[in-house]
Amino acid sequence: MQFRAPAAGRGLMHVSSVALIVGVFGGAACGGKSQTAEAHSATIPGELQLPPRSPKLAMLGIDTVRAVSERVIATLPAVVVPNENQTVHVTSPVLGRVEALLAQPGDHVGAGQPLARIRSSDAAQATSDVAKAASVLNSTRASLARATDLYEHKVIAARELEQARNDAEQARAEYERARRRASQLGLSTAGVSDDYVLRAPVGGVVIERLVNPGAEVRPDNAAVLFTISSLSQVWLTVNVPQRDLAAVHKGSRLRFVTDAVPGRTFAAAVSFVSDALDPVSRTAIARAVIDNAGGALRVQTSGEAQLIVSDVATAAVPSRAVVTHGSDMVVFVALAPGRFARRVVVVRDDDGVTATLSSGVTPGERVVTTGSLLLAGEMDRVQ
């Protein structure tokens, strides 16, 4: 038996089917229009539009393009060394044996502060000479007083009085010599002693100690016992390859950066350039002075010296804003909230922190500094 639906039922089913078909095709048409509009906004050449609530927006960092009038033309290896104009190499002025050390490397010392204690025969001789000279001076002065009294009473001749005066004057001169010698050595003249205290001639930091207790020291071999330097200013020695020598001269500006003081740069000016190249490395030594009042730089700190020259104003962005796209270097410019444009740029210089650009962006525009690679991948996906 063949089943047939009632006429009214068949009519209802026909209307429902037509409505369903119209709904499906109508919905498809609307969806296609929305997708086409979204694809059009996402595929404008070189641009990308992210939805307002896209989580990718929170991953982006944006900075303003700056205008700079200087650029780095070379990055050279450099080392911090003591400023020799503020450095003293301390030797022993006496013969003797070191009994104790009173200062260590790294100690801050003032002028006159003890560095070492030395048992010295020279110290004993110097203080002994003072004591002897003082005794002779007192004796000759007493003799002169007696001779003067006797001459006034016409007991002795004028010649004897003159001799007494000469003796007293010689004794005074010898005493002054002995006293000044002891004073130069920093010895007390209160008595005879072989105890000698080696003192700092200037204030500063003890950057080197080359003596140990028990060591014999002599004044005639000029052996350095301590090196003291004021580190309020230090020297920066830079190895300059011959290809960069034409740009390095007295007064050239440098920026010194080092891992020892991260996030900070130190300005310096070249004060000396050697006239000869090292025969092995083919480099010349340049020297610059750095203000180190805070003591942030330590002796023998290594780093890089960036050679800076003045130039016409040009655009500068953080180095991390520049990424590679094929054979081009590009940045992403923020045109509006969530809207970004990819720009091809020409990098003039890049020191790893700041990149100067010859073309592609202008000062005042805003570029993506964090998340550039994310935008590059997203743009390649939708275009």
Protein backbone atom coordinates (compact mmCIF):
# COMPACT_ATOMS: atom_id res chain seq x y z
CA MET A 1 0.00 0.00 0.00
CA GLN A 2 1.42 3.41 -0.88
CA PHE A 3 1.18 6.06 1.81
CA ARG A 4 0.30 9.61 0.80
CA ALA A 5 0.20 12.54 3.10
CA PRO A 6 -2.98 14.56 3.36
CA ALA A 7 -3.26 17.49 1.01
CA ALA A 8 -3.11 19.99 3.83
CA GLY A 9 -0.04 18.23 5.22
CA ARG A 10 1.66 18.20 1.82
CA GLY A 11 1.10 21.93 1.50
CA LEU A 12 2.58 22.58 4.93
CA MET A 13 5.63 20.50 4.14
CA HIS A 14 6.14 22.38 0.87
CA VAL A 15 6.01 25.76 2.56
CA SER A 16 8.41 24.64 5.30
CA SER A 17 10.86 23.24 2.76
CA VAL A 18 10.82 26.42 0.74
CA ALA A 19 11.37 28.48 3.89
CA LEU A 20 14.25 26.22 4.94
CA ILE A 21 15.91 26.47 1.54
CA VAL A 22 15.50 30.25 1.45
CA GLY A 23 16.90 30.51 5.00
CA VAL A 24 19.91 28.41 4.20
CA PHE A 25 20.82 30.27 1.04
CA GLY A 26 20.01 33.61 2.61
CA GLY A 27 22.24 32.85 5.58
CA ALA A 28 24.99 31.70 3.27
CA ALA A 29 24.72 34.90 1.30
CA CYS A 30 24.95 37.04 4.44
CA GLY A 31 27.85 35.02 5.86
CA GLY A 32 29.69 35.27 2.60
CA LYS A 33 29.30 39.01 2.57
CA SER A 34 30.65 39.31 6.18
CA GLN A 35 33.62 37.05 5.45
CA THR A 36 34.36 38.97 2.27
CA ALA A 37 34.39 42.28 4.15
CA GLU A 38 36.63 40.83 6.88
CA ALA A 39 39.02 39.39 4.32
CA HIS A 40 39.13 42.71 2.49
CA SER A 41 40.05 44.60 5.66
CA ALA A 42 42.70 42.03 6.49
CA THR A 43 44.24 41.81 3.06
CA ILE A 44 44.91 45.47 2.22
CA PRO A 45 48.50 45.22 0.96
CA GLY A 46 50.95 45.97 3.73
CA GLU A 47 48.31 46.58 6.41
CA LEU A 48 46.77 44.55 9.22
CA GLN A 49 43.66 45.21 11.30
CA LEU A 50 43.31 43.40 14.61
CA PRO A 51 39.91 43.21 16.36
CA PRO A 52 39.55 45.63 19.31
CA ARG A 53 39.46 42.77 21.84
CA SER A 54 42.21 40.70 20.27
CA PRO A 55 44.60 39.32 22.93
CA LYS A 56 47.45 40.00 20.52
CA LEU A 57 47.11 43.75 21.19
CA ALA A 58 48.21 43.25 24.81
CA MET A 59 51.41 41.61 23.57
CA LEU A 60 52.55 44.65 21.59
CA GLY A 61 54.83 47.48 22.70
CA ILE A 62 54.76 50.80 20.84
CA ASP A 63 57.24 53.69 20.87
CA THR A 64 57.59 57.02 19.07
CA VAL A 65 60.15 57.53 16.31
CA ARG A 66 62.75 60.05 17.52
CA ALA A 67 64.90 62.50 15.63
CA VAL A 68 68.64 62.27 16.35
CA SER A 69 71.47 64.44 15.06
CA GLU A 70 74.34 62.04 15.76
CA ARG A 71 75.21 58.55 14.74
CA VAL A 72 77.57 55.73 15.68
CA ILE A 73 80.14 55.07 12.97
CA ALA A 74 82.22 52.43 14.77
CA THR A 75 82.05 50.18 17.82
CA LEU A 76 85.47 49.45 19.29
CA PRO A 77 86.76 47.27 22.17
CA ALA A 78 87.76 49.30 25.23
CA VAL A 79 89.06 48.80 28.77
CA VAL A 80 88.91 51.03 31.86
CA VAL A 81 92.33 51.79 33.38
CA PRO A 82 93.48 54.16 36.14
CA ASN A 83 93.99 57.80 35.29
CA GLU A 84 97.79 58.08 35.49
CA ASN A 85 97.47 61.79 36.26
CA GLN A 86 95.74 60.79 39.51
CA THR A 87 97.75 57.64 40.26
CA VAL A 88 100.77 57.21 42.56
CA HIS A 89 103.07 54.17 42.68
CA VAL A 90 104.35 53.95 46.26
CA THR A 91 107.89 52.69 46.90
CA SER A 92 109.90 52.44 50.10
CA PRO A 93 112.30 55.32 50.84
CA VAL A 94 114.14 53.22 53.44
CA LEU A 95 116.00 49.92 53.64
CA GLY A 96 114.29 47.37 55.84
CA ARG A 97 111.90 44.45 56.28
CA VAL A 98 108.11 44.64 56.12
CA GLU A 99 106.60 43.69 59.47
CA ALA A 100 102.90 44.31 58.82
CA LEU A 101 100.53 45.45 56.08
CA LEU A 102 98.02 48.08 57.11
CA ALA A 103 96.10 48.44 53.82
CA GLN A 104 94.70 46.02 51.26
CA PRO A 105 93.60 46.33 47.61
CA GLY A 106 90.21 47.99 47.41
CA ASP A 107 90.71 50.04 50.58
CA HIS A 108 89.94 53.74 50.41
CA VAL A 109 92.80 55.60 52.06
CA GLY A 110 93.41 59.23 52.88
CA ALA A 111 96.65 61.15 52.45
CA GLY A 112 99.00 60.20 55.28
CA GLN A 113 97.16 56.99 56.18
CA PRO A 114 99.48 54.06 57.11
CA LEU A 115 100.05 51.41 54.45
CA ALA A 116 102.76 49.21 55.99
CA ARG A 117 105.06 49.01 59.00
CA ILE A 118 108.78 48.46 58.25
CA ARG A 119 111.67 47.66 60.60
CA SER A 120 114.43 49.82 59.15
CA SER A 121 118.04 50.60 59.96
CA ASP A 122 117.70 53.74 57.85
CA ALA A 123 114.96 54.96 60.19
CA ALA A 124 117.20 54.27 63.16
CA GLN A 125 120.08 56.13 61.50
CA ALA A 126 117.91 59.13 60.63
CA THR A 127 116.47 59.52 64.14
CA SER A 128 119.92 58.94 65.62
CA ASP A 129 121.36 61.70 63.45
CA VAL A 130 118.70 64.08 64.75
CA ALA A 131 119.49 63.22 68.35
CA LYS A 132 123.24 63.67 67.78
CA ALA A 133 122.80 66.93 65.93
CA ALA A 134 120.54 68.27 68.67
CA SER A 135 123.12 67.38 71.29
CA VAL A 136 125.93 69.08 69.36
CA LEU A 137 123.78 72.15 68.76
CA ASN A 138 123.01 72.51 72.45
CA SER A 139 126.69 72.15 73.28
CA THR A 140 127.87 74.75 70.75
CA ARG A 141 125.19 77.18 71.83
CA ALA A 142 126.36 76.87 75.42
CA SER A 143 129.96 77.36 74.29
CA LEU A 144 128.97 80.47 72.35
CA ALA A 145 127.22 81.88 75.38
CA ARG A 146 130.35 81.39 77.52
CA ALA A 147 132.62 82.79 74.81
CA THR A 148 130.43 85.87 74.50
CA ASP A 149 130.58 86.46 78.26
CA LEU A 150 134.34 85.98 78.35
CA TYR A 151 134.86 88.32 75.42
CA GLU A 152 132.77 91.00 77.07
CA HIS A 153 135.03 90.71 80.12
CA LYS A 154 138.07 90.87 77.84
CA VAL A 155 139.18 87.37 78.82
CA ILE A 156 139.36 85.95 75.29
CA ALA A 157 140.19 87.43 71.92
CA ALA A 158 137.66 88.24 69.21
CA ARG A 159 139.01 85.35 67.14
CA GLU A 160 137.89 82.79 69.73
CA LEU A 161 134.44 84.36 69.90
CA GLU A 162 134.15 84.17 66.12
CA GLN A 163 135.15 80.48 66.20
CA ALA A 164 132.45 79.74 68.78
CA ARG A 165 129.91 81.44 66.54
CA ASN A 166 131.01 79.39 63.52
CA ASP A 167 130.79 76.16 65.51
CA ALA A 168 127.27 77.01 66.67
CA GLU A 169 126.17 77.89 63.13
CA GLN A 170 127.54 74.62 61.71
CA ALA A 171 125.83 72.65 64.48
CA ARG A 172 122.54 74.43 63.72
CA ALA A 173 122.88 73.62 60.01
CA GLU A 174 123.60 69.96 60.72
CA TYR A 175 120.62 69.73 63.05
CA GLU A 176 118.35 71.26 60.40
CA ARG A 177 119.64 68.79 57.81
CA ALA A 178 119.04 65.79 60.09
CA ARG A 179 115.62 67.06 61.16
CA ARG A 180 114.48 67.69 57.58
CA ARG A 181 115.69 64.25 56.53
CA ALA A 182 113.67 62.65 59.30
CA SER A 183 110.70 64.83 58.42
CA GLN A 184 110.84 63.77 54.78
CA LEU A 185 110.69 60.15 55.89
CA GLY A 186 107.78 60.92 58.17
CA LEU A 187 109.75 59.98 61.29
CA SER A 188 109.25 61.31 64.76
CA THR A 189 112.23 63.18 66.21
CA ALA A 190 111.23 62.49 69.80
CA GLY A 191 113.72 59.61 70.08
CA VAL A 192 115.77 57.03 68.24
CA SER A 193 113.66 54.27 66.62
CA ASP A 194 113.93 51.75 63.80
CA ASP A 195 110.13 51.63 63.37
CA TYR A 196 109.13 53.14 60.04
CA VAL A 197 105.51 53.59 58.89
CA LEU A 198 104.99 53.79 55.12
CA ARG A 199 102.12 56.24 54.51
CA ALA A 200 99.89 57.06 51.54
CA PRO A 201 101.19 60.20 49.79
CA VAL A 202 97.71 60.92 48.32
CA GLY A 203 94.15 59.91 48.97
CA GLY A 204 92.42 57.35 46.77
CA VAL A 205 91.81 53.64 46.36
CA VAL A 206 94.50 50.99 46.78
CA ILE A 207 94.25 49.27 43.39
CA GLU A 208 97.39 47.13 43.72
CA ARG A 209 99.60 45.68 46.46
CA LEU A 210 102.89 44.04 45.47
CA VAL A 211 104.47 43.28 48.85
CA ASN A 212 103.96 40.73 51.62
CA PRO A 213 105.00 40.67 55.28
CA GLY A 214 108.62 39.62 55.69
CA ALA A 215 109.71 41.03 52.35
CA GLU A 216 112.86 43.12 52.20
CA VAL A 217 112.50 46.55 50.65
CA ARG A 218 115.14 48.92 49.34
CA PRO A 219 115.06 52.52 48.20
CA ASP A 220 117.48 51.96 45.33
CA ASN A 221 115.52 49.45 43.20
CA ALA A 222 112.28 51.47 43.00
CA ALA A 223 110.10 48.40 43.53
CA VAL A 224 106.43 49.41 43.70
CA LEU A 225 104.78 48.29 46.93
CA PHE A 226 101.34 49.88 46.52
CA THR A 227 99.47 51.67 43.74
CA ILE A 228 96.93 54.27 44.79
CA SER A 229 94.61 56.04 42.39
CA SER A 230 91.74 58.47 42.67
CA LEU A 231 88.95 56.81 40.68
CA SER A 232 86.77 59.91 40.43
CA GLN A 233 88.08 60.05 36.87
CA VAL A 234 89.35 57.06 34.90
CA TRP A 235 90.90 56.50 31.50
CA LEU A 236 89.31 54.50 28.73
CA THR A 237 91.80 52.83 26.41
CA VAL A 238 90.38 51.98 23.00
CA ASN A 239 91.91 49.77 20.32
CA VAL A 240 91.32 51.58 17.03
CA PRO A 241 91.77 49.61 13.74
CA GLN A 242 93.59 51.50 11.03
CA ARG A 243 90.40 51.69 8.94
CA ASP A 244 88.78 53.88 11.65
CA LEU A 245 91.81 56.04 12.49
CA ALA A 246 90.74 58.86 10.18
CA ALA A 247 87.64 59.43 12.33
CA VAL A 248 89.43 59.30 15.70
CA HIS A 249 91.22 62.40 16.91
CA LYS A 250 91.57 64.53 20.00
CA GLY A 251 88.09 65.67 21.03
CA SER A 252 86.21 62.81 19.31
CA ARG A 253 83.16 61.74 21.31
CA LEU A 254 82.68 58.23 22.62
CA ARG A 255 79.93 56.37 24.44
CA PHE A 256 81.13 53.51 26.64
CA VAL A 257 78.82 50.60 27.47
CA THR A 258 79.67 47.56 29.54
CA ASP A 259 77.93 44.50 30.97
CA ALA A 260 79.38 45.47 34.36
CA VAL A 261 76.97 48.44 34.51
CA PRO A 262 73.94 47.33 32.45
CA GLY A 263 71.54 49.93 31.13
CA ARG A 264 73.96 52.83 31.52
CA THR A 265 76.22 54.67 29.08
CA PHE A 266 79.28 56.79 29.93
CA ALA A 267 80.25 59.81 27.86
CA ALA A 268 83.93 60.34 27.09
CA ALA A 269 86.14 62.53 24.93
CA VAL A 270 89.34 61.33 23.26
CA SER A 271 92.40 63.03 24.77
CA PHE A 272 95.20 61.07 23.10
CA VAL A 273 95.80 58.91 20.01
CA SER A 274 99.06 57.00 19.64
CA ASP A 275 101.27 57.74 16.65
CA ALA A 276 102.21 54.09 16.06
CA LEU A 277 100.22 50.93 15.35
CA ASP A 278 100.71 47.68 17.20
CA PRO A 279 102.67 45.49 14.76
CA VAL A 280 100.55 42.42 15.57
CA SER A 281 96.99 43.72 15.91
CA ARG A 282 97.45 46.68 13.54
CA THR A 283 95.56 48.91 15.94
CA ALA A 284 96.37 52.23 17.56
CA ILE A 285 95.65 53.09 21.18
CA ALA A 286 93.26 55.96 21.86
CA ARG A 287 92.68 57.28 25.35
CA ALA A 288 89.64 59.09 26.70
CA VAL A 289 88.69 60.49 30.09
CA ILE A 290 85.47 59.33 31.82
CA ASP A 291 83.87 61.00 34.83
CA ASN A 292 83.47 58.26 37.47
CA ALA A 293 82.43 60.28 40.50
CA GLY A 294 80.00 57.58 41.65
CA GLY A 295 82.61 54.83 41.36
CA ALA A 296 80.44 52.68 39.07
CA LEU A 297 83.37 51.77 36.82
CA ARG A 298 86.09 49.53 38.18
CA VAL A 299 89.64 49.25 36.91
CA GLN A 300 90.01 46.70 34.06
CA THR A 301 86.28 46.78 33.24
CA SER A 302 85.92 45.87 29.56
CA GLY A 303 83.21 46.95 27.17
CA GLU A 304 82.55 48.72 23.88
CA ALA A 305 83.25 52.32 22.93
CA GLN A 306 80.87 53.71 20.33
CA LEU A 307 82.45 56.39 18.16
CA ILE A 308 79.89 59.16 17.60
CA VAL A 309 79.82 61.84 14.92
CA SER A 310 77.39 64.73 14.45
CA ASP A 311 75.08 64.47 11.47
CA VAL A 312 71.86 65.82 9.99
CA ALA A 313 68.73 64.91 11.94
CA THR A 314 67.48 61.43 11.09
CA ALA A 315 64.84 59.01 12.40
CA ALA A 316 65.80 56.62 15.19
CA VAL A 317 63.92 53.64 16.62
CA PRO A 318 64.80 50.90 19.12
CA SER A 319 66.77 48.16 17.35
CA ARG A 320 64.19 45.52 18.26
CA ALA A 321 61.56 47.39 16.19
CA VAL A 322 63.36 46.43 12.96
CA VAL A 323 62.71 42.91 11.61
CA THR A 324 63.59 41.07 8.43
CA HIS A 325 60.92 40.38 5.81
CA GLY A 326 62.40 38.52 2.88
CA SER A 327 65.31 40.63 1.70
CA ASP A 328 63.89 43.81 3.25
CA MET A 329 64.18 45.38 6.68
CA VAL A 330 60.77 46.49 7.90
CA VAL A 331 59.01 48.13 10.83
CA PHE A 332 55.33 48.12 11.75
CA VAL A 333 53.76 51.56 12.07
CA ALA A 334 50.69 51.99 14.29
CA LEU A 335 48.20 53.91 12.12
CA ALA A 336 45.22 53.64 14.48
CA PRO A 337 44.15 51.44 17.40
CA GLY A 338 44.58 47.88 16.15
CA ARG A 339 45.64 48.98 12.66
CA PHE A 340 49.24 48.53 11.54
CA ALA A 341 51.17 49.12 8.34
CA ARG A 342 54.35 47.34 7.29
CA ARG A 343 57.01 49.77 6.07
CA VAL A 344 60.26 48.94 4.32
CA VAL A 345 63.11 50.93 5.90
CA VAL A 346 66.77 51.54 5.16
CA VAL A 347 68.94 51.07 8.24
CA ARG A 348 71.82 53.49 8.39
CA ASP A 349 73.43 52.40 11.67
CA ASP A 350 72.48 49.94 14.38
CA ASP A 351 74.44 49.66 17.62
CA GLY A 352 72.21 46.97 19.07
CA VAL A 353 70.16 49.44 21.10
CA THR A 354 69.15 52.16 18.63
CA ALA A 355 68.82 51.95 14.86
CA THR A 356 68.93 55.08 12.71
CA LEU A 357 66.88 54.91 9.52
CA SER A 358 67.52 56.74 6.28
CA SER A 359 63.97 56.22 4.98
CA GLY A 360 60.68 54.51 5.71
CA VAL A 361 59.45 56.42 8.75
CA THR A 362 59.50 59.99 10.01
CA PRO A 363 60.00 61.36 13.54
CA GLY A 364 56.74 61.46 15.46
CA GLU A 365 55.26 58.29 13.99
CA ARG A 366 54.65 55.37 16.31
CA VAL A 367 56.22 51.99 15.67
CA VAL A 368 55.86 48.56 17.24
CA THR A 369 58.90 47.71 19.36
CA THR A 370 57.70 44.52 21.06
CA GLY A 371 55.78 41.98 19.04
CA SER A 372 57.00 42.90 15.56
CA LEU A 373 57.56 39.24 14.70
CA LEU A 374 54.04 38.40 15.88
CA LEU A 375 52.58 41.03 13.51
CA ALA A 376 54.80 39.83 10.67
CA GLY A 377 53.53 36.27 11.07
CA GLU A 378 49.90 37.40 11.36
CA MET A 379 50.15 39.56 8.24
CA ASP A 380 51.77 36.76 6.23
CA ARG A 381 48.95 34.44 7.32
CA VAL A 382 46.05 36.62 6.24
CA GLN A 383 47.57 38.01 3.05
